[in-house]
């Protein structure tokens, strides 16, 4: 092989090794999720679900009050739930 091929091979090998070491370091230093983090995330998800359910109920009530049906009701519900989120 020529000198250029050796140099190129060495550069590829060195970059591959350095990427592997960097990847391993990020995996080792990544913060572990704690039980409190998981509980907080679960509680937040439950609150968001409750808010979404309430929002849908409010939009449904408004649509009933306006006596909407069919495509008009569908469009209203889509707009109502998207803007209040």
N, C-alpha and C. Protein backbone atom coordinates (compact mmCIF):
# COMPACT_ATOMS: atom_id res chain seq x y z
N UNK A 1 0.84 -1.19 0.00
CA UNK A 1 0.00 0.00 0.00
C UNK A 1 0.88 1.25 0.00
N UNK A 2 0.28 2.33 -0.46
CA UNK A 2 1.03 3.57 -0.50
C UNK A 2 0.94 4.28 0.84
N UNK A 3 1.74 5.28 1.00
CA UNK A 3 1.75 6.05 2.25
C UNK A 3 0.40 6.74 2.50
N UNK A 4 -0.23 7.18 1.44
CA UNK A 4 -1.53 7.85 1.58
C UNK A 4 -2.56 6.87 2.11
N UNK A 5 -2.54 5.66 1.62
CA UNK A 5 -3.49 4.65 2.07
C UNK A 5 -3.26 4.32 3.55
N UNK A 6 -1.99 4.21 3.95
CA UNK A 6 -1.69 3.96 5.36
C UNK A 6 -2.16 5.12 6.25
N UNK A 7 -1.90 6.32 5.81
CA UNK A 7 -2.30 7.50 6.59
C UNK A 7 -3.83 7.57 6.69
N UNK A 8 -4.49 7.30 5.59
CA UNK A 8 -5.95 7.33 5.58
C UNK A 8 -6.52 6.24 6.48
N UNK A 9 -5.95 5.06 6.43
CA UNK A 9 -6.40 3.96 7.30
C UNK A 9 -6.19 4.30 8.76
N UNK A 10 -5.06 4.90 9.08
CA UNK A 10 -4.77 5.28 10.46
C UNK A 10 -5.75 6.35 10.94
N UNK A 11 -6.08 7.29 10.09
CA UNK A 11 -7.02 8.35 10.46
C UNK A 11 -8.41 7.78 10.71
N UNK A 12 -8.84 6.87 9.87
CA UNK A 12 -10.16 6.25 10.04
C UNK A 12 -10.18 5.44 11.33
N UNK A 13 -9.14 4.69 11.59
CA UNK A 13 -9.07 3.89 12.81
C UNK A 13 -9.08 4.78 14.05
N UNK A 14 -8.33 5.85 14.03
CA UNK A 14 -8.26 6.76 15.18
C UNK A 14 -9.61 7.43 15.43
N UNK A 15 -10.28 7.85 14.38
CA UNK A 15 -11.58 8.51 14.57
C UNK A 15 -12.62 7.52 15.08
N UNK A 16 -12.58 6.30 14.60
CA UNK A 16 -13.51 5.27 15.07
C UNK A 16 -13.31 5.00 16.55
N UNK A 17 -12.07 4.87 16.96
CA UNK A 17 -11.78 4.62 18.38
C UNK A 17 -12.20 5.79 19.26
N UNK A 18 -11.94 7.00 18.81
CA UNK A 18 -12.30 8.17 19.62
C UNK A 18 -13.81 8.33 19.74
N UNK A 19 -14.55 8.00 18.67
CA UNK A 19 -16.00 8.07 18.74
C UNK A 19 -16.55 7.02 19.71
N UNK A 20 -15.96 5.84 19.71
CA UNK A 20 -16.38 4.79 20.64
C UNK A 20 -16.16 5.19 22.08
N UNK A 21 -15.01 5.80 22.37
CA UNK A 21 -14.71 6.25 23.73
C UNK A 21 -15.66 7.36 24.14
N UNK A 22 -15.92 8.29 23.25
CA UNK A 22 -16.83 9.40 23.55
C UNK A 22 -18.23 8.88 23.82
N UNK A 23 -18.69 7.95 23.02
CA UNK A 23 -20.02 7.37 23.21
C UNK A 23 -20.10 6.64 24.54
N UNK A 24 -19.08 5.90 24.89
CA UNK A 24 -19.07 5.17 26.16
C UNK A 24 -19.09 6.14 27.34
N UNK A 25 -18.38 7.25 27.23
CA UNK A 25 -18.36 8.23 28.32
C UNK A 25 -19.74 8.86 28.51
N UNK A 26 -20.43 9.16 27.43
CA UNK A 26 -21.75 9.77 27.58
C UNK A 26 -22.73 8.79 28.19
N UNK A 27 -22.60 7.52 27.89
CA UNK A 27 -23.48 6.53 28.49
C UNK A 27 -23.22 6.39 29.98
N UNK A 28 -21.97 6.48 30.36
CA UNK A 28 -21.61 6.29 31.76
C UNK A 28 -21.97 7.51 32.61
N UNK A 29 -21.95 8.70 32.01
CA UNK A 29 -22.21 9.92 32.78
C UNK A 29 -23.64 10.39 32.68
N UNK A 30 -24.49 9.70 31.93
CA UNK A 30 -25.89 10.10 31.80
C UNK A 30 -26.57 9.93 33.16
N UNK A 31 -27.34 10.93 33.58
CA UNK A 31 -27.99 10.83 34.88
C UNK A 31 -29.08 9.75 34.87
N UNK A 32 -29.09 8.98 35.90
CA UNK A 32 -30.11 7.94 36.03
C UNK A 32 -31.40 8.57 36.53
N UNK A 33 -32.52 8.11 36.01
CA UNK A 33 -33.79 8.64 36.48
C UNK A 33 -34.12 8.02 37.84
N UNK A 34 -34.55 8.84 38.72
CA UNK A 34 -34.88 8.36 40.06
C UNK A 34 -36.36 8.06 40.16
N UNK A 35 -36.72 7.45 41.25
CA UNK A 35 -38.13 7.11 41.47
C UNK A 35 -38.97 8.38 41.57
N UNK A 36 -38.41 9.44 42.16
CA UNK A 36 -39.17 10.69 42.29
C UNK A 36 -39.41 11.32 40.92
N UNK A 37 -38.42 11.21 40.02
CA UNK A 37 -38.60 11.74 38.67
C UNK A 37 -39.72 10.99 37.95
N UNK A 38 -39.72 9.68 38.11
CA UNK A 38 -40.75 8.87 37.46
C UNK A 38 -42.13 9.18 38.04
N UNK A 39 -42.19 9.36 39.34
CA UNK A 39 -43.48 9.66 39.98
C UNK A 39 -43.98 11.03 39.54
N UNK A 40 -43.07 12.01 39.44
CA UNK A 40 -43.46 13.34 39.01
C UNK A 40 -43.95 13.32 37.57
N UNK A 41 -43.28 12.55 36.72
CA UNK A 41 -43.71 12.45 35.33
C UNK A 41 -45.07 11.78 35.22
N UNK A 42 -45.29 10.76 36.03
CA UNK A 42 -46.58 10.06 36.02
C UNK A 42 -47.69 10.99 36.49
N UNK A 43 -47.41 11.80 37.53
CA UNK A 43 -48.41 12.73 38.04
C UNK A 43 -48.71 13.81 37.01
N UNK A 44 -47.69 14.31 36.35
CA UNK A 44 -47.88 15.34 35.34
C UNK A 44 -48.74 14.80 34.19
N UNK A 45 -48.47 13.56 33.79
CA UNK A 45 -49.23 12.94 32.71
C UNK A 45 -50.69 12.78 33.10
N UNK A 46 -50.93 12.40 34.37
CA UNK A 46 -52.30 12.24 34.85
C UNK A 46 -53.03 13.58 34.88
N UNK A 47 -52.32 14.64 35.30
CA UNK A 47 -52.94 15.98 35.33
C UNK A 47 -53.28 16.45 33.91
N UNK A 48 -52.38 16.18 32.96
CA UNK A 48 -52.64 16.59 31.58
C UNK A 48 -53.85 15.84 31.02
N UNK A 49 -53.96 14.56 31.34
CA UNK A 49 -55.11 13.78 30.88
C UNK A 49 -56.40 14.32 31.47
N UNK A 50 -56.35 14.69 32.74
CA UNK A 50 -57.53 15.24 33.41
C UNK A 50 -57.93 16.58 32.78
N UNK A 51 -56.94 17.43 32.48
CA UNK A 51 -57.22 18.72 31.86
C UNK A 51 -57.81 18.53 30.46
N UNK A 52 -57.28 17.56 29.71
CA UNK A 52 -57.78 17.30 28.36
C UNK A 52 -59.22 16.81 28.41
N UNK A 53 -59.52 15.96 29.38
CA UNK A 53 -60.89 15.45 29.53
C UNK A 53 -61.85 16.59 29.87
N UNK A 54 -61.44 17.48 30.76
CA UNK A 54 -62.26 18.62 31.15
C UNK A 54 -62.47 19.55 29.96
N UNK A 55 -61.41 19.77 29.18
CA UNK A 55 -61.49 20.65 28.02
C UNK A 55 -62.46 20.09 26.99
N UNK A 56 -62.38 18.78 26.76
CA UNK A 56 -63.29 18.15 25.82
C UNK A 56 -64.73 18.27 26.29
N UNK A 57 -64.94 18.10 27.58
CA UNK A 57 -66.29 18.22 28.13
C UNK A 57 -66.81 19.65 27.95
N UNK A 58 -65.97 20.64 28.18
CA UNK A 58 -66.38 22.03 28.00
C UNK A 58 -66.74 22.33 26.54
N UNK A 59 -65.92 21.83 25.62
CA UNK A 59 -66.19 22.05 24.20
C UNK A 59 -67.48 21.34 23.77
N UNK A 60 -67.70 20.16 24.29
CA UNK A 60 -68.93 19.42 23.99
C UNK A 60 -70.15 20.18 24.49
N UNK A 61 -70.04 20.74 25.68
CA UNK A 61 -71.14 21.52 26.26
C UNK A 61 -71.45 22.73 25.38
N UNK A 62 -70.40 23.42 24.93
CA UNK A 62 -70.60 24.58 24.07
C UNK A 62 -71.26 24.17 22.75
N UNK A 63 -70.83 23.05 22.19
CA UNK A 63 -71.41 22.59 20.93
C UNK A 63 -72.89 22.23 21.11
N UNK A 64 -73.23 21.63 22.25
CA UNK A 64 -74.63 21.30 22.53
C UNK A 64 -75.46 22.57 22.67
N UNK A 65 -74.91 23.56 23.40
CA UNK A 65 -75.63 24.82 23.60
C UNK A 65 -75.92 25.51 22.27
N UNK A 66 -74.98 25.39 21.33
CA UNK A 66 -75.15 26.01 20.03
C UNK A 66 -75.91 25.10 19.05
N UNK A 67 -76.32 23.93 19.53
CA UNK A 67 -77.08 22.95 18.74
C UNK A 67 -76.38 22.61 17.42
N UNK A 68 -75.09 22.35 17.52
CA UNK A 68 -74.30 22.01 16.34
C UNK A 68 -74.40 20.53 16.05
N UNK A 69 -74.38 20.19 14.76
CA UNK A 69 -74.40 18.79 14.34
C UNK A 69 -73.51 18.62 13.12
N UNK A 70 -73.16 17.38 12.84
CA UNK A 70 -72.44 17.04 11.61
C UNK A 70 -71.06 17.67 11.50
N UNK A 71 -70.78 18.11 10.27
CA UNK A 71 -69.46 18.65 9.95
C UNK A 71 -69.16 19.93 10.74
N UNK A 72 -70.19 20.74 10.97
CA UNK A 72 -69.97 21.98 11.72
C UNK A 72 -69.53 21.66 13.15
N UNK A 73 -70.16 20.66 13.76
CA UNK A 73 -69.79 20.28 15.13
C UNK A 73 -68.37 19.70 15.15
N UNK A 74 -68.05 18.86 14.16
CA UNK A 74 -66.72 18.27 14.09
C UNK A 74 -65.65 19.35 13.98
N UNK A 75 -65.88 20.32 13.11
CA UNK A 75 -64.92 21.42 12.93
C UNK A 75 -64.81 22.23 14.21
N UNK A 76 -65.94 22.53 14.83
CA UNK A 76 -65.94 23.30 16.08
C UNK A 76 -65.16 22.56 17.16
N UNK A 77 -65.39 21.27 17.32
CA UNK A 77 -64.70 20.48 18.35
C UNK A 77 -63.20 20.47 18.10
N UNK A 78 -62.81 20.30 16.85
CA UNK A 78 -61.39 20.29 16.50
C UNK A 78 -60.74 21.63 16.84
N UNK A 79 -61.39 22.72 16.45
CA UNK A 79 -60.85 24.05 16.73
C UNK A 79 -60.85 24.35 18.22
N UNK A 80 -61.92 23.99 18.89
CA UNK A 80 -62.06 24.29 20.31
C UNK A 80 -61.00 23.56 21.13
N UNK A 81 -60.81 22.29 20.87
CA UNK A 81 -59.84 21.52 21.67
C UNK A 81 -58.41 21.89 21.34
N UNK A 82 -58.14 22.31 20.12
CA UNK A 82 -56.76 22.64 19.75
C UNK A 82 -56.32 24.00 20.30
N UNK A 83 -57.21 24.96 20.35
CA UNK A 83 -56.80 26.30 20.81
C UNK A 83 -56.75 26.40 22.34
N UNK A 84 -57.44 25.53 23.03
CA UNK A 84 -57.43 25.61 24.48
C UNK A 84 -56.31 24.77 25.09
N UNK A 85 -55.59 24.02 24.29
CA UNK A 85 -54.49 23.21 24.80
C UNK A 85 -53.25 24.00 24.98
